[in-house]
Structures are given as structure tokens and as C-alpha cells.
């Protein structure tokens, strides 16, 4: 039996409605497509450029009726200049050892993730994640990805980021850190470190996923300037007081 060839045009599916995790009282729906076959990497990149995010072998994007609050954003790494506060954040953690490792889940990483979820997101969508769920999140992927680990000089793991590598940048899929290290502002530090990594690799962008207007949990993303948002007119630089609408669903499949 010959192997079935991958199609160039992905099939899209729509999830049923559920409570929005960012804006109380609203209903969330997502459109998603499966990533697989020989075209998984270029398809993932095309979908990322069209405002999708990746989770394992799924690419998804909000498709909520009557709501455009979720806006895809990316940092212009090659134009980024850290603020005074961001420079202080980098300095506070300049003792951390950064290592890129293969996308292979470890119990040490999972223990850190559980500490992070229990402290920062109790009752959230990932609150019941077990070890095998974490293994699937990290290892079930058909695209180019890796984990960035951040350790103290004594070897203690304090932060980690699952990151996809695209032709034009780095896409931060999911990051987590030890809540006992609040003084370091590790969430901000990891983003800044990814900007440095993108600059070192001459990549123009760091993809941050969605900025959600009206959600305090997502406001931190607009602090990384210059920042581009995917609008109805394509990718545009956000102003100091952004007022944008999410782009319509238009996907250019890989050729």
C-alpha cells in the first residue's frame, strides 16, 4: 500500500462554544486544523502568519461570534530596544544559564509546570494536566520546536519555554516558571531573552500569540515595543494606545 500524500489545503473544523478564559460572560469558539505529513512545517508557518497558534499537532485560532478581542501580535526583534525596566529585568537574571534542549519532556520540567499552574492558574484550563498530558504537549509535534531551559548556577531549573522555530522568527508556544522567583520577573525575562535569541539568529520576529483587549492578564504583551498586530489590513505596528480589530480568517496554504 502506498503512503497517502499530504494535501496542500488543510481542512478546518470549528469547536463548540465554551466559556471565554479571558473575558467573563463571553463565549469562546475556535477554528482549528491538523498539522501532519511532509507539509506540516510550512503549513504551521503559513497558519502562524495568518494568526493561528500551535498546540501539539493542532493549529487553532479564535472564531468567536461578535468578538474580535483576540489579536495576534509579534515583536519586531530587529527593531526592539529594551526599556529601562526591561534592562533591569535582564540584569536581575543574568546569572541564569540558558540551554536549548530537544522537545523531550522530563519529570523535572513537569514538576516546575505543576508548581507554576497550582500557584498562578488554579482552576484554569490546564489545572488538571498530568505527566502524560505534558509529554504529549511537548513531544507530539510534527514541526521544528525545542525547549529553552533556564537554570540557576547551582543547576536548579526555574523557568522553561516551549518554542517553535520559524523561518522568520521564534514562536513562544508556552512558558512557565517558579512562582518563588517573582523578583526576577521571569515571564518578562523569557520574552526578552527570546528577542535576544531572534536578534542573534537574524530573525525579525518573536511571536507572542494573542493580545486580548480588555483582559488584564494579557496587557503585558503591549509593553514590548515595537509590536505588530495582525489586523484587517495585515500586520501593522501598534500605536501607544492600540485600537485594532483582529484580521479576518484568510489562510495562504504553502505552495
Protein backbone atom coordinates (compact mmCIF):
# COMPACT_ATOMS: atom_id res chain seq x y z
CA UNK A 1 0.00 0.00 0.00
CA UNK A 2 1.45 3.37 -0.98
CA UNK A 3 1.65 6.15 1.55
CA UNK A 4 -1.07 8.74 1.16
CA UNK A 5 0.27 12.09 0.07
CA UNK A 6 -0.30 15.14 2.24
CA UNK A 7 -2.80 17.65 0.94
CA UNK A 8 -1.78 21.26 0.39
CA UNK A 9 -5.08 22.74 1.55
CA UNK A 10 -5.84 21.96 5.20
CA UNK A 11 -9.27 21.03 6.48
CA UNK A 12 -10.67 23.36 9.11
CA UNK A 13 -13.01 22.45 11.95
CA UNK A 14 -14.98 24.55 14.43
CA UNK A 15 -15.21 23.79 18.13
CA UNK A 16 -18.47 24.10 20.09
CA UNK A 17 -18.87 27.19 22.24
CA UNK A 18 -17.47 27.38 25.77
CA UNK A 19 -16.72 29.98 28.44
CA UNK A 20 -14.07 32.51 27.42
CA UNK A 21 -10.99 32.22 29.70
CA UNK A 22 -10.13 35.90 29.29
CA UNK A 23 -13.38 37.91 29.17
CA UNK A 24 -16.09 36.92 31.66
CA UNK A 25 -19.54 36.36 30.25
CA UNK A 26 -18.39 35.74 26.70
CA UNK A 27 -18.39 32.55 24.67
CA UNK A 28 -15.26 31.19 23.04
CA UNK A 29 -15.09 29.21 19.81
CA UNK A 30 -12.04 28.16 17.86
CA UNK A 31 -11.31 27.10 14.31
CA UNK A 32 -8.55 24.52 14.01
CA UNK A 33 -6.64 22.38 11.54
CA UNK A 34 -4.42 19.36 11.97
CA UNK A 35 -0.72 19.55 11.20
CA UNK A 36 0.85 16.46 9.71
CA UNK A 37 2.72 14.94 6.81
CA UNK A 38 5.54 16.41 4.82
CA UNK A 39 3.96 19.86 4.72
CA UNK A 40 3.49 20.22 8.47
CA UNK A 41 6.29 22.77 8.90
CA UNK A 42 5.39 25.12 6.01
CA UNK A 43 1.69 24.79 6.88
CA UNK A 44 2.41 25.68 10.50
CA UNK A 45 4.35 28.73 9.37
CA UNK A 46 1.60 29.83 6.97
CA UNK A 47 -1.02 29.45 9.69
CA UNK A 48 1.14 31.34 12.20
CA UNK A 49 1.37 34.20 9.73
CA UNK A 50 -2.44 34.05 9.48
CA UNK A 51 -2.92 34.39 13.24
CA UNK A 52 -3.01 30.76 14.38
CA UNK A 53 -1.30 29.22 17.40
CA UNK A 54 0.02 25.66 17.74
CA UNK A 55 -0.88 23.06 20.35
CA UNK A 56 0.70 19.65 19.72
CA UNK A 57 -0.32 18.74 16.15
CA UNK A 58 -3.19 21.25 16.06
CA UNK A 59 -3.15 24.84 14.82
CA UNK A 60 -6.03 26.93 16.18
CA UNK A 61 -7.41 30.44 16.12
CA UNK A 62 -10.33 32.14 17.91
CA UNK A 63 -13.52 32.30 15.84
CA UNK A 64 -15.93 33.87 18.31
CA UNK A 65 -19.20 35.34 17.11
CA UNK A 66 -19.39 39.10 17.58
CA UNK A 67 -15.99 39.42 19.23
CA UNK A 68 -12.59 40.40 17.81
CA UNK A 69 -10.81 40.94 21.11
CA UNK A 70 -8.05 38.36 20.46
CA UNK A 71 -5.38 39.90 18.26
CA UNK A 72 -2.24 38.09 17.10
CA UNK A 73 0.92 40.03 17.97
CA UNK A 74 4.62 39.73 17.28
CA UNK A 75 7.65 41.70 18.47
CA UNK A 76 9.82 43.38 15.85
CA UNK A 77 13.01 41.85 17.25
CA UNK A 78 15.36 43.57 14.82
CA UNK A 79 13.99 46.98 15.93
CA UNK A 80 13.48 46.25 19.61
CA UNK A 81 15.02 48.50 22.24
CA UNK A 82 14.53 47.45 25.86
CA UNK A 83 13.08 49.98 28.27
CA UNK A 84 14.89 50.89 31.48
CA UNK A 85 12.70 48.49 33.45
CA UNK A 86 13.27 45.69 30.94
CA UNK A 87 17.03 46.23 31.14
CA UNK A 88 16.77 45.86 34.91
CA UNK A 89 14.85 42.61 34.41
CA UNK A 90 17.60 41.26 32.18
CA UNK A 91 20.28 42.25 34.68
CA UNK A 92 18.48 40.58 37.61
CA UNK A 93 18.66 37.24 35.81
CA UNK A 94 21.99 37.49 34.06
CA UNK A 95 23.19 34.67 36.32
CA UNK A 96 20.77 32.18 34.75
CA UNK A 97 22.18 29.54 32.43
CA UNK A 98 20.19 29.28 29.19
CA UNK A 99 20.13 25.93 27.36
CA UNK A 100 18.17 24.84 24.30
CA UNK A 101 17.20 21.18 24.61
CA UNK A 102 15.32 18.73 22.42
CA UNK A 103 11.50 18.56 22.77
CA UNK A 104 11.62 15.68 25.22
CA UNK A 105 9.57 16.04 28.39
CA UNK A 106 11.26 15.46 31.74
CA UNK A 107 9.86 14.96 35.22
CA UNK A 108 11.86 17.97 36.36
CA UNK A 109 10.13 20.20 33.82
CA UNK A 110 6.74 18.76 34.73
CA UNK A 111 7.31 19.36 38.44
CA UNK A 112 8.08 23.00 37.68
CA UNK A 113 5.00 23.26 35.48
CA UNK A 114 2.77 21.84 38.23
CA UNK A 115 4.18 24.33 40.75
CA UNK A 116 3.50 27.14 38.29
CA UNK A 117 -0.06 26.02 37.45
CA UNK A 118 -1.01 25.42 41.08
CA UNK A 119 0.19 28.87 42.05
CA UNK A 120 -0.76 31.02 39.07
CA UNK A 121 -3.65 29.24 37.33
CA UNK A 122 -5.63 27.15 39.84
CA UNK A 123 -8.87 26.01 38.24
CA UNK A 124 -7.67 27.05 34.78
CA UNK A 125 -7.89 25.02 31.61
CA UNK A 126 -4.59 23.25 32.33
CA UNK A 127 -5.08 22.81 36.07
CA UNK A 128 -5.67 19.06 35.80
CA UNK A 129 -2.71 18.40 33.49
CA UNK A 130 -0.86 15.19 34.32
CA UNK A 131 2.57 13.96 33.33
CA UNK A 132 1.37 12.20 30.20
CA UNK A 133 -0.51 15.32 29.13
CA UNK A 134 2.71 17.26 29.44
CA UNK A 135 4.60 14.63 27.45
CA UNK A 136 2.01 14.98 24.68
CA UNK A 137 2.23 18.78 24.76
CA UNK A 138 5.99 18.69 24.28
CA UNK A 139 6.63 15.62 22.16
CA UNK A 140 3.58 15.21 19.91
CA UNK A 141 4.60 17.70 17.26
CA UNK A 142 5.42 17.48 13.56
CA UNK A 143 7.19 20.86 13.42
CA UNK A 144 10.57 22.29 14.38
CA UNK A 145 10.42 23.02 18.11
CA UNK A 146 12.59 22.94 21.23
CA UNK A 147 12.57 23.76 24.92
CA UNK A 148 14.63 26.57 26.40
CA UNK A 149 15.61 25.83 30.00
CA UNK A 150 16.78 28.48 32.46
CA UNK A 151 18.79 27.32 35.48
CA UNK A 152 20.46 28.92 38.45
CA UNK A 153 24.23 28.45 38.77
CA UNK A 154 23.56 25.52 41.15
CA UNK A 155 21.56 23.77 38.39
CA UNK A 156 18.06 24.45 39.73
CA UNK A 157 15.51 24.73 36.92
CA UNK A 158 13.49 27.93 37.43
CA UNK A 159 11.90 28.54 34.03
CA UNK A 160 11.25 26.89 30.68
CA UNK A 161 9.73 27.80 27.34
CA UNK A 162 8.42 25.55 24.57
CA UNK A 163 9.35 27.43 21.41
CA UNK A 164 8.80 26.79 17.70
CA UNK A 165 11.42 27.83 15.20
CA UNK A 166 10.05 29.50 12.06
CA UNK A 167 11.89 30.86 9.04
CA UNK A 168 11.20 34.42 10.12
CA UNK A 169 11.27 34.13 13.89
CA UNK A 170 10.58 32.32 17.13
CA UNK A 171 7.07 31.47 18.30
CA UNK A 172 6.65 31.09 22.07
CA UNK A 173 4.14 28.26 22.41
CA UNK A 174 4.06 28.02 26.21
CA UNK A 175 6.30 29.19 29.04
CA UNK A 176 6.28 28.60 32.79
CA UNK A 177 8.44 29.46 35.78
CA UNK A 178 8.84 29.05 39.52
CA UNK A 179 6.48 31.44 41.35
CA UNK A 180 9.01 31.77 44.16
CA UNK A 181 11.26 33.76 41.85
CA UNK A 182 8.90 36.72 41.43
CA UNK A 183 11.68 39.24 41.95
CA UNK A 184 13.20 38.13 38.68
CA UNK A 185 10.02 38.77 36.59
CA UNK A 186 10.77 35.54 34.75
CA UNK A 187 7.83 35.78 32.37
CA UNK A 188 9.13 39.10 31.07
CA UNK A 189 12.71 37.85 31.17
CA UNK A 190 11.95 34.87 28.93
CA UNK A 191 10.34 37.10 26.31
CA UNK A 192 13.32 39.46 26.38
CA UNK A 193 15.68 36.51 26.11
CA UNK A 194 13.79 35.22 23.07
CA UNK A 195 14.13 38.65 21.48
CA UNK A 196 17.89 38.45 22.05
CA UNK A 197 17.94 34.95 20.55
CA UNK A 198 15.98 36.08 17.49
CA UNK A 199 18.36 39.02 17.00
CA UNK A 200 21.38 36.73 17.31
CA UNK A 201 19.91 34.44 14.64
CA UNK A 202 18.93 37.41 12.45
CA UNK A 203 15.25 36.60 12.74
CA UNK A 204 12.93 39.62 12.55
CA UNK A 205 10.10 38.43 14.82
CA UNK A 206 9.12 36.86 18.12
CA UNK A 207 5.51 35.64 18.01
CA UNK A 208 3.66 36.07 21.32
CA UNK A 209 0.25 34.65 20.48
CA UNK A 210 -2.80 36.74 21.36
CA UNK A 211 -3.15 40.09 22.98
CA UNK A 212 -6.71 40.24 24.34
CA UNK A 213 -8.20 43.71 24.60
CA UNK A 214 -9.89 44.17 27.96
CA UNK A 215 -8.00 41.32 29.65
CA UNK A 216 -5.63 42.38 32.43
CA UNK A 217 -3.83 39.04 32.08
CA UNK A 218 -2.77 39.91 28.52
CA UNK A 219 -1.89 43.60 28.87
CA UNK A 220 1.79 42.80 29.45
CA UNK A 221 2.26 42.00 25.76
CA UNK A 222 1.82 45.59 24.62
CA UNK A 223 4.86 46.58 26.71
CA UNK A 224 7.21 45.05 24.13
CA UNK A 225 7.64 47.74 21.54
CA UNK A 226 7.69 47.91 18.60
CA UNK A 227 4.88 45.37 18.40
CA UNK A 228 2.94 44.35 15.31
CA UNK A 229 -0.67 43.17 15.31
CA UNK A 230 -2.46 41.17 12.64
CA UNK A 231 -5.30 43.47 11.63
CA UNK A 232 -7.82 43.57 8.80
CA UNK A 233 -5.12 45.37 6.80
CA UNK A 234 -2.42 42.81 7.54
CA UNK A 235 0.42 43.10 10.06
CA UNK A 236 0.59 46.66 11.39
CA UNK A 237 2.65 48.35 14.10
CA UNK A 238 0.61 49.03 17.22
CA UNK A 239 0.42 52.58 18.46
CA UNK A 240 0.93 53.56 22.09
CA UNK A 241 -2.84 53.28 22.62
CA UNK A 242 -3.76 50.38 20.34
CA UNK A 243 -7.28 50.19 18.91
CA UNK A 244 -7.34 47.36 16.42
CA UNK A 245 -9.64 44.66 15.16
CA UNK A 246 -8.47 41.13 14.57
CA UNK A 247 -7.86 40.13 10.97
CA UNK A 248 -10.45 38.03 9.14
CA UNK A 249 -9.67 34.36 8.60
CA UNK A 250 -7.56 34.23 5.43
CA UNK A 251 -5.05 31.42 5.10
CA UNK A 252 -2.45 31.10 2.36
CA UNK A 253 -1.55 27.41 2.18
CA UNK A 254 2.08 26.52 1.45
CA UNK A 255 2.87 26.09 -2.19
